[in-house]
C-alpha atoms as a PDB file:
ATOM      1  CA  MET A   1      35.065  53.751 101.972  1.00  0.00           C
ATOM      2  CA  LEU A   2      36.552  54.192 105.458  1.00  0.00           C
ATOM      3  CA  ILE A   3      38.173  51.074 106.903  1.00  0.00           C
ATOM      4  CA  LEU A   4      38.562  50.955 110.692  1.00  0.00           C
ATOM      5  CA  ARG A   5      41.514  48.898 111.838  1.00  0.00           C
ATOM      6  CA  ARG A   6      41.803  47.536 115.328  1.00  0.00           C
ATOM      7  CA  CYS A   7      44.955  48.735 117.070  1.00  0.00           C
ATOM      8  CA  SER A   8      47.419  46.066 118.212  1.00  0.00           C
ATOM      9  CA  PRO A   9      48.234  45.825 121.946  1.00  0.00           C
ATOM     10  CA  PHE A  10      51.682  47.252 121.208  1.00  0.00           C
ATOM     11  CA  VAL A  11      50.246  50.342 119.489  1.00  0.00           C
ATOM     12  CA  GLN A  12      47.733  50.801 122.291  1.00  0.00           C
ATOM     13  CA  ILE A  13      50.488  50.685 124.914  1.00  0.00           C
ATOM     14  CA  LEU A  14      52.655  53.136 122.991  1.00  0.00           C
ATOM     15  CA  ARG A  15      49.731  55.549 122.823  1.00  0.00           C
ATOM     16  CA  ARG A  16      49.006  55.150 126.538  1.00  0.00           C
ATOM     17  CA  CYS A  17      52.685  55.643 127.434  1.00  0.00           C
ATOM     18  CA  HIS A  18      52.794  58.797 125.319  1.00  0.00           C
ATOM     19  CA  LYS A  19      49.563  60.049 126.902  1.00  0.00           C
ATOM     20  CA  GLN A  20      50.902  59.422 130.406  1.00  0.00           C
ATOM     21  CA  ALA A  21      54.080  61.365 129.603  1.00  0.00           C
ATOM     22  CA  ILE A  22      52.068  64.340 128.302  1.00  0.00           C
ATOM     23  CA  GLU A  23      49.807  64.354 131.376  1.00  0.00           C
ATOM     24  CA  GLN A  24      52.757  64.174 133.767  1.00  0.00           C
ATOM     25  CA  ASN A  25      54.586  66.996 132.024  1.00  0.00           C
ATOM     26  CA  SER A  26      51.507  69.223 131.831  1.00  0.00           C
ATOM     27  CA  ASN A  27      50.437  68.621 135.421  1.00  0.00           C
ATOM     28  CA  GLY A  28      53.945  68.652 136.842  1.00  0.00           C
ATOM     29  CA  LYS A  29      52.942  65.611 138.893  1.00  0.00           C
ATOM     30  CA  ASN A  30      53.474  61.890 138.662  1.00  0.00           C
ATOM     31  CA  ASN A  31      50.895  59.969 140.692  1.00  0.00           C
ATOM     32  CA  LEU A  32      53.135  56.898 140.752  1.00  0.00           C
ATOM     33  CA  THR A  33      56.267  58.648 142.053  1.00  0.00           C
ATOM     34  CA  ALA A  34      56.739  60.417 145.389  1.00  0.00           C
ATOM     35  CA  PHE A  35      59.920  62.478 145.789  1.00  0.00           C
ATOM     36  CA  PHE A  36      61.613  63.025 149.153  1.00  0.00           C
ATOM     37  CA  GLY A  37      64.494  65.299 150.162  1.00  0.00           C
ATOM     38  CA  LYS A  38      66.059  68.153 148.242  1.00  0.00           C
ATOM     39  CA  TRP A  39      66.423  67.031 144.645  1.00  0.00           C
ATOM     40  CA  PRO A  40      68.651  69.038 142.285  1.00  0.00           C
ATOM     41  CA  GLU A  41      66.280  70.175 139.543  1.00  0.00           C
ATOM     42  CA  GLY A  42      68.272  68.674 136.693  1.00  0.00           C
ATOM     43  CA  GLU A  43      68.632  65.341 138.445  1.00  0.00           C
ATOM     44  CA  GLN A  44      64.928  65.065 139.148  1.00  0.00           C
ATOM     45  CA  GLN A  45      64.175  65.740 135.487  1.00  0.00           C
ATOM     46  CA  ASP A  46      66.652  63.041 134.439  1.00  0.00           C
ATOM     47  CA  PHE A  47      65.116  60.630 136.933  1.00  0.00           C
ATOM     48  CA  GLN A  48      61.608  61.185 135.587  1.00  0.00           C
ATOM     49  CA  GLN A  49      62.879  60.494 132.081  1.00  0.00           C
ATOM     50  CA  HIS A  50      64.834  57.370 133.037  1.00  0.00           C
ATOM     51  CA  MET A  51      62.447  55.785 135.564  1.00  0.00           C
ATOM     52  CA  ARG A  52      59.096  55.071 133.918  1.00  0.00           C
ATOM     53  CA  ILE A  53      56.068  53.021 134.900  1.00  0.00           C
ATOM     54  CA  ILE A  54      53.426  51.877 132.425  1.00  0.00           C
ATOM     55  CA  THR A  55      50.237  50.813 134.158  1.00  0.00           C
ATOM     56  CA  ASP A  56      48.174  47.913 132.793  1.00  0.00           C
ATOM     57  CA  PHE A  57      51.019  46.898 130.516  1.00  0.00           C
ATOM     58  CA  ILE A  58      49.556  43.408 130.404  1.00  0.00           C
ATOM     59  CA  SER A  59      45.945  42.285 130.644  1.00  0.00           C
ATOM     60  CA  GLU A  60      44.501  39.922 133.255  1.00  0.00           C
ATOM     61  CA  THR A  61      44.567  37.172 130.635  1.00  0.00           C
ATOM     62  CA  GLU A  62      48.240  37.807 129.820  1.00  0.00           C
ATOM     63  CA  GLU A  63      49.104  37.812 133.517  1.00  0.00           C
ATOM     64  CA  ARG A  64      47.377  34.456 133.944  1.00  0.00           C
ATOM     65  CA  GLN A  65      49.161  33.004 130.903  1.00  0.00           C
ATOM     66  CA  LEU A  66      52.577  34.117 132.167  1.00  0.00           C
ATOM     67  CA  HIS A  67      51.825  32.720 135.604  1.00  0.00           C
ATOM     68  CA  GLU A  68      50.559  29.415 134.228  1.00  0.00           C
ATOM     69  CA  GLU A  69      53.762  28.921 132.256  1.00  0.00           C
ATOM     70  CA  ILE A  70      56.204  29.560 135.098  1.00  0.00           C
ATOM     71  CA  GLU A  71      54.224  28.219 138.077  1.00  0.00           C
ATOM     72  CA  PRO A  72      54.811  24.478 137.473  1.00  0.00           C
ATOM     73  CA  TYR A  73      58.559  25.030 137.761  1.00  0.00           C
ATOM     74  CA  MET A  74      58.540  27.688 140.513  1.00  0.00           C
ATOM     75  CA  SER A  75      56.228  25.624 142.744  1.00  0.00           C
ATOM     76  CA  ARG A  76      58.884  22.888 142.937  1.00  0.00           C
ATOM     77  CA  LEU A  77      61.413  25.310 144.430  1.00  0.00           C
ATOM     78  CA  ARG A  78      61.728  26.341 148.051  1.00  0.00           C
ATOM     79  CA  TYR A  79      61.816  29.951 149.142  1.00  0.00           C
ATOM     80  CA  GLU A  80      65.340  30.888 150.188  1.00  0.00           C
ATOM     81  CA  PHE A  81      66.192  33.202 153.054  1.00  0.00           C
ATOM     82  CA  ASP A  82      69.995  33.203 152.842  1.00  0.00           C
ATOM     83  CA  HIS A  83      70.920  34.747 149.512  1.00  0.00           C
ATOM     84  CA  TRP A  84      74.612  34.517 148.668  1.00  0.00           C
ATOM     85  CA  ASP A  85      74.941  38.288 148.287  1.00  0.00           C
ATOM     86  CA  ASP A  86      72.430  39.099 151.096  1.00  0.00           C
ATOM     87  CA  ALA A  87      70.339  41.242 148.753  1.00  0.00           C
ATOM     88  CA  ILE A  88      67.128  39.178 148.778  1.00  0.00           C
ATOM     89  CA  HIS A  89      65.306  37.196 151.468  1.00  0.00           C
ATOM     90  CA  GLY A  90      62.268  34.978 150.961  1.00  0.00           C
ATOM     91  CA  PHE A  91      62.608  34.338 147.253  1.00  0.00           C
ATOM     92  CA  ARG A  92      62.694  31.803 144.449  1.00  0.00           C
ATOM     93  CA  GLU A  93      64.300  32.591 141.124  1.00  0.00           C
ATOM     94  CA  THR A  94      65.133  31.123 137.761  1.00  0.00           C
ATOM     95  CA  GLU A  95      65.929  32.149 134.201  1.00  0.00           C
ATOM     96  CA  ARG A  96      63.960  31.193 131.141  1.00  0.00           C
ATOM     97  CA  LYS A  97      64.889  31.364 127.480  1.00  0.00           C
ATOM     98  CA  LYS A  98      62.045  29.547 125.737  1.00  0.00           C
ATOM     99  CA  TRP A  99      58.456  30.741 126.127  1.00  0.00           C
ATOM    100  CA  PHE A 100      55.053  29.811 124.799  1.00  0.00           C
ATOM    101  CA  PRO A 101      54.182  31.864 121.679  1.00  0.00           C
ATOM    102  CA  HIS A 102      51.605  34.107 123.388  1.00  0.00           C
ATOM    103  CA  ASN A 103      54.104  34.937 126.158  1.00  0.00           C
ATOM    104  CA  ARG A 104      56.861  35.585 123.631  1.00  0.00           C
ATOM    105  CA  GLU A 105      54.589  38.261 122.197  1.00  0.00           C
ATOM    106  CA  VAL A 106      54.435  39.980 125.601  1.00  0.00           C
ATOM    107  CA  LEU A 107      58.229  39.903 125.950  1.00  0.00           C
ATOM    108  CA  GLU A 108      58.615  41.277 122.449  1.00  0.00           C
ATOM    109  CA  ARG A 109      56.367  44.134 123.498  1.00  0.00           C
ATOM    110  CA  VAL A 110      58.674  44.774 126.466  1.00  0.00           C
ATOM    111  CA  ARG A 111      61.645  44.852 124.114  1.00  0.00           C
ATOM    112  CA  GLN A 112      60.031  47.346 121.767  1.00  0.00           C
ATOM    113  CA  VAL A 113      58.768  49.644 124.531  1.00  0.00           C
ATOM    114  CA  ALA A 114      61.732  49.544 126.943  1.00  0.00           C
ATOM    115  CA  PHE A 115      64.849  48.823 124.892  1.00  0.00           C
ATOM    116  CA  ASP A 116      66.566  50.427 121.932  1.00  0.00           C
ATOM    117  CA  GLY A 117      67.786  47.077 120.660  1.00  0.00           C
ATOM    118  CA  ALA A 118      68.056  43.451 121.712  1.00  0.00           C
ATOM    119  CA  ILE A 119      67.549  42.112 125.200  1.00  0.00           C
ATOM    120  CA  MET A 120      69.497  39.323 126.885  1.00  0.00           C
ATOM    121  CA  PRO A 121      68.145  35.924 125.775  1.00  0.00           C
ATOM    122  CA  TYR A 122      67.547  34.649 129.317  1.00  0.00           C
ATOM    123  CA  VAL A 123      64.702  36.370 131.154  1.00  0.00           C
ATOM    124  CA  HIS A 124      65.018  36.541 134.951  1.00  0.00           C
ATOM    125  CA  ILE A 125      62.024  35.376 136.999  1.00  0.00           C
ATOM    126  CA  LEU A 126      62.015  36.459 140.652  1.00  0.00           C
ATOM    127  CA  ASP A 127      59.327  35.069 142.949  1.00  0.00           C
ATOM    128  CA  LEU A 128      59.121  37.009 146.231  1.00  0.00           C
ATOM    129  CA  ALA A 129      57.179  35.519 149.146  1.00  0.00           C
ATOM    130  CA  PRO A 130      54.626  37.688 150.991  1.00  0.00           C
ATOM    131  CA  ASP A 131      57.185  38.156 153.790  1.00  0.00           C
ATOM    132  CA  GLY A 132      60.086  38.444 151.357  1.00  0.00           C
ATOM    133  CA  VAL A 133      62.156  41.547 150.839  1.00  0.00           C
ATOM    134  CA  ILE A 134      64.576  42.880 148.233  1.00  0.00           C
ATOM    135  CA  LYS A 135      67.175  45.007 149.998  1.00  0.00           C
ATOM    136  CA  PRO A 136      68.778  48.156 148.500  1.00  0.00           C
ATOM    137  CA  HIS A 137      71.211  47.237 145.748  1.00  0.00           C
ATOM    138  CA  VAL A 138      72.511  48.170 142.300  1.00  0.00           C
ATOM    139  CA  ASP A 139      72.845  45.473 139.651  1.00  0.00           C
ATOM    140  CA  SER A 140      76.463  44.994 138.654  1.00  0.00           C
ATOM    141  CA  THR A 141      77.618  46.588 135.414  1.00  0.00           C
ATOM    142  CA  ARG A 142      79.344  43.296 134.636  1.00  0.00           C
ATOM    143  CA  TYR A 143      76.091  41.446 134.155  1.00  0.00           C
ATOM    144  CA  CYS A 144      73.617  43.897 132.648  1.00  0.00           C
ATOM    145  CA  GLY A 145      73.669  47.097 130.645  1.00  0.00           C
ATOM    146  CA  THR A 146      71.877  50.422 130.698  1.00  0.00           C
ATOM    147  CA  THR A 147      68.305  49.197 131.171  1.00  0.00           C
ATOM    148  CA  ILE A 148      66.387  46.907 133.525  1.00  0.00           C
ATOM    149  CA  SER A 149      62.672  46.392 132.950  1.00  0.00           C
ATOM    150  CA  GLY A 150      60.189  44.281 134.879  1.00  0.00           C
ATOM    151  CA  ILE A 151      56.551  43.187 134.738  1.00  0.00           C
ATOM    152  CA  SER A 152      54.878  42.895 138.152  1.00  0.00           C
ATOM    153  CA  LEU A 153      52.609  39.887 138.623  1.00  0.00           C
ATOM    154  CA  LEU A 154      50.151  38.952 141.420  1.00  0.00           C
ATOM    155  CA  SER A 155      50.651  41.929 143.738  1.00  0.00           C
ATOM    156  CA  ASP A 156      51.107  45.680 144.006  1.00  0.00           C
ATOM    157  CA  SER A 157      54.357  46.771 145.645  1.00  0.00           C
ATOM    158  CA  VAL A 158      56.454  49.817 146.438  1.00  0.00           C
ATOM    159  CA  MET A 159      59.941  50.296 145.015  1.00  0.00           C
ATOM    160  CA  ARG A 160      62.313  52.770 146.652  1.00  0.00           C
ATOM    161  CA  LEU A 161      65.277  54.331 144.846  1.00  0.00           C
ATOM    162  CA  VAL A 162      67.889  56.138 146.956  1.00  0.00           C
ATOM    163  CA  ARG A 163      70.671  58.307 145.526  1.00  0.00           C
ATOM    164  CA  THR A 164      74.122  56.824 145.864  1.00  0.00           C
ATOM    165  CA  ASP A 165      77.421  56.904 144.024  1.00  0.00           C
ATOM    166  CA  ALA A 166      76.905  53.370 142.854  1.00  0.00           C
ATOM    167  CA  LYS A 167      78.745  53.686 139.559  1.00  0.00           C
ATOM    168  CA  ARG A 168      81.935  54.845 141.247  1.00  0.00           C
ATOM    169  CA  TYR A 169      81.527  52.115 143.862  1.00  0.00           C
ATOM    170  CA  GLN A 170      81.299  49.433 141.201  1.00  0.00           C
ATOM    171  CA  GLN A 171      84.243  50.808 139.240  1.00  0.00           C
ATOM    172  CA  GLN A 172      86.441  50.871 142.334  1.00  0.00           C
ATOM    173  CA  SER A 173      85.532  47.396 143.546  1.00  0.00           C
ATOM    174  CA  GLU A 174      85.908  45.833 140.118  1.00  0.00           C
ATOM    175  CA  SER A 175      89.233  47.566 139.418  1.00  0.00           C
ATOM    176  CA  LYS A 176      90.568  46.079 142.676  1.00  0.00           C
ATOM    177  CA  GLY A 177      89.422  42.630 141.640  1.00  0.00           C
ATOM    178  CA  THR A 178      86.917  42.294 144.501  1.00  0.00           C
ATOM    179  CA  ASP A 179      83.328  41.067 144.301  1.00  0.00           C
ATOM    180  CA  ASP A 180      84.184  39.191 141.120  1.00  0.00           C
ATOM    181  CA  ALA A 181      81.048  37.074 141.316  1.00  0.00           C
ATOM    182  CA  ALA A 182      78.760  39.754 142.749  1.00  0.00           C
ATOM    183  CA  TYR A 183      75.627  40.129 140.681  1.00  0.00           C
ATOM    184  CA  ARG A 184      74.220  42.819 142.955  1.00  0.00           C
ATOM    185  CA  HIS A 185      76.262  45.505 144.694  1.00  0.00           C
ATOM    186  CA  ARG A 186      75.012  47.006 147.938  1.00  0.00           C
ATOM    187  CA  PRO A 187      76.648  50.431 148.289  1.00  0.00           C
ATOM    188  CA  GLU A 188      75.692  52.520 151.294  1.00  0.00           C
ATOM    189  CA  ALA A 189      72.769  54.854 150.627  1.00  0.00           C
ATOM    190  CA  LYS A 190      71.310  56.474 153.741  1.00  0.00           C
ATOM    191  CA  LEU A 191      67.986  58.304 153.752  1.00  0.00           C
ATOM    192  CA  GLU A 192      69.253  60.961 156.168  1.00  0.00           C
ATOM    193  CA  ASN A 193      70.364  64.134 154.365  1.00  0.00           C
ATOM    194  CA  ASN A 194      69.769  62.388 151.051  1.00  0.00           C
ATOM    195  CA  PHE A 195      67.124  62.459 148.348  1.00  0.00           C
ATOM    196  CA  TYR A 196      65.125  59.494 147.157  1.00  0.00           C
ATOM    197  CA  ALA A 197      61.866  58.421 145.520  1.00  0.00           C
ATOM    198  CA  ASP A 198      59.141  55.891 146.272  1.00  0.00           C
ATOM    199  CA  LEU A 199      57.395  54.358 143.272  1.00  0.00           C
ATOM    200  CA  MET A 200      54.054  52.632 143.213  1.00  0.00           C
ATOM    201  CA  LEU A 201      54.273  49.475 141.090  1.00  0.00           C
ATOM    202  CA  PRO A 202      50.714  48.331 140.403  1.00  0.00           C
ATOM    203  CA  ARG A 203      50.002  44.733 139.559  1.00  0.00           C
ATOM    204  CA  ARG A 204      50.385  44.108 135.791  1.00  0.00           C
ATOM    205  CA  SER A 205      52.481  47.249 135.325  1.00  0.00           C
ATOM    206  CA  LEU A 206      55.880  47.522 133.656  1.00  0.00           C
ATOM    207  CA  TYR A 207      58.733  49.537 135.146  1.00  0.00           C
ATOM    208  CA  ILE A 208      61.619  50.734 132.997  1.00  0.00           C
ATOM    209  CA  MET A 209      64.759  51.726 134.897  1.00  0.00           C
ATOM    210  CA  SER A 210      67.587  53.083 132.761  1.00  0.00           C
ATOM    211  CA  HIS A 211      70.677  55.292 132.728  1.00  0.00           C
ATOM    212  CA  THR A 212      70.587  57.706 135.703  1.00  0.00           C
ATOM    213  CA  ALA A 213      67.997  55.700 137.641  1.00  0.00           C
ATOM    214  CA  ARG A 214      69.778  52.424 136.928  1.00  0.00           C
ATOM    215  CA  TYR A 215      73.333  53.517 137.812  1.00  0.00           C
ATOM    216  CA  ASN A 216      73.023  56.279 140.422  1.00  0.00           C
ATOM    217  CA  PHE A 217      70.354  54.868 142.736  1.00  0.00           C
ATOM    218  CA  THR A 218      69.930  51.759 144.803  1.00  0.00           C
ATOM    219  CA  HIS A 219      66.570  50.079 144.316  1.00  0.00           C
ATOM    220  CA  GLU A 220      64.585  47.862 146.654  1.00  0.00           C
ATOM    221  CA  ILE A 221      61.100  46.430 147.195  1.00  0.00           C
ATOM    222  CA  LEU A 222      59.800  47.531 150.579  1.00  0.00           C
ATOM    223  CA  ALA A 223      59.016  44.780 153.071  1.00  0.00           C
ATOM    224  CA  LYS A 224      55.384  44.044 153.906  1.00  0.00           C
ATOM    225  CA  GLU A 225      55.539  45.896 157.224  1.00  0.00           C
ATOM    226  CA  HIS A 226      56.942  49.020 155.526  1.00  0.00           C
ATOM    227  CA  SER A 227      54.936  48.832 152.310  1.00  0.00           C
ATOM    228  CA  SER A 228      53.094  52.139 152.005  1.00  0.00           C
ATOM    229  CA  TYR A 229      52.796  54.886 149.411  1.00  0.00           C
ATOM    230  CA  ARG A 230      52.117  58.524 150.276  1.00  0.00           C
ATOM    231  CA  GLY A 231      51.034  57.408 153.729  1.00  0.00           C
ATOM    232  CA  THR A 232      48.618  54.732 152.506  1.00  0.00           C
ATOM    233  CA  PRO A 233      49.423  51.063 153.216  1.00  0.00           C
ATOM    234  CA  VAL A 234      50.035  48.944 150.109  1.00  0.00           C
ATOM    235  CA  PRO A 235      49.290  45.280 150.923  1.00  0.00           C
ATOM    236  CA  LYS A 236      52.067  43.154 149.430  1.00  0.00           C
ATOM    237  CA  THR A 237      51.315  39.505 148.840  1.00  0.00           C
ATOM    238  CA  ARG A 238      53.347  37.055 146.782  1.00  0.00           C
ATOM    239  CA  ARG A 239      54.978  38.971 143.932  1.00  0.00           C
ATOM    240  CA  ILE A 240      56.530  37.614 140.741  1.00  0.00           C
ATOM    241  CA  SER A 241      58.571  39.876 138.512  1.00  0.00           C
ATOM    242  CA  ILE A 242      59.518  39.070 134.919  1.00  0.00           C
ATOM    243  CA  ILE A 243      62.766  40.975 134.407  1.00  0.00           C
ATOM    244  CA  CYS A 244      64.468  41.777 131.100  1.00  0.00           C
ATOM    245  CA  ARG A 245      67.891  43.379 130.701  1.00  0.00           C
ATOM    246  CA  ASN A 246      70.197  44.349 127.885  1.00  0.00           C
ATOM    247  CA  GLU A 247      73.808  43.323 127.451  1.00  0.00           C
ATOM    248  CA  PRO A 248      76.553  45.158 129.413  1.00  0.00           C
END
């Protein structure tokens, strides 16, 4: 007798991630990533391996459940426009360690899909206003390790990654004892004569930024007036990201 078993959400996502990787490799095209400038072939291959996007990582129901858990606290905060390291404007943020059981299951799925081992116990929640912007930066190696992964709630958005020598910049500044409290470094990364990538982050998707993409590129969320992908405007409303990291 043949018994049909219903696949768990985790298994379904693994299969979809694997299918997306096969399609991208066979077609030589990633519909969620647009490359600009002259990329060294090896570096572009590394980037595609280390910067992944999984569409529909969570369902509409899971998005609503995540939002319902964090909204009562976030709604009591004011949007800030003068961040201490000038990396974010128009934002509210917090960290959360304890979650409702159904939301813990989603975060466990993130851990299994995006990380080789454990993630940091406190999950970062970043609430960006419709007019808010995340400027180009690289998260400090003092405060997180090789991988940063985030679920996008409420809105589509465009993330831009620009090649820089961020790792050397961080090593130099930290060896000199400067920027001791800096959580986000903002090394210079000009678009002119450089290579970079724009990534479409659909609502309810998961991005996984690791290794080369995490250390060697600044990342930013384009402001509403600049939010477009392959020439098509991407309306950006309020955006909440649920961000997991591993230990340094």
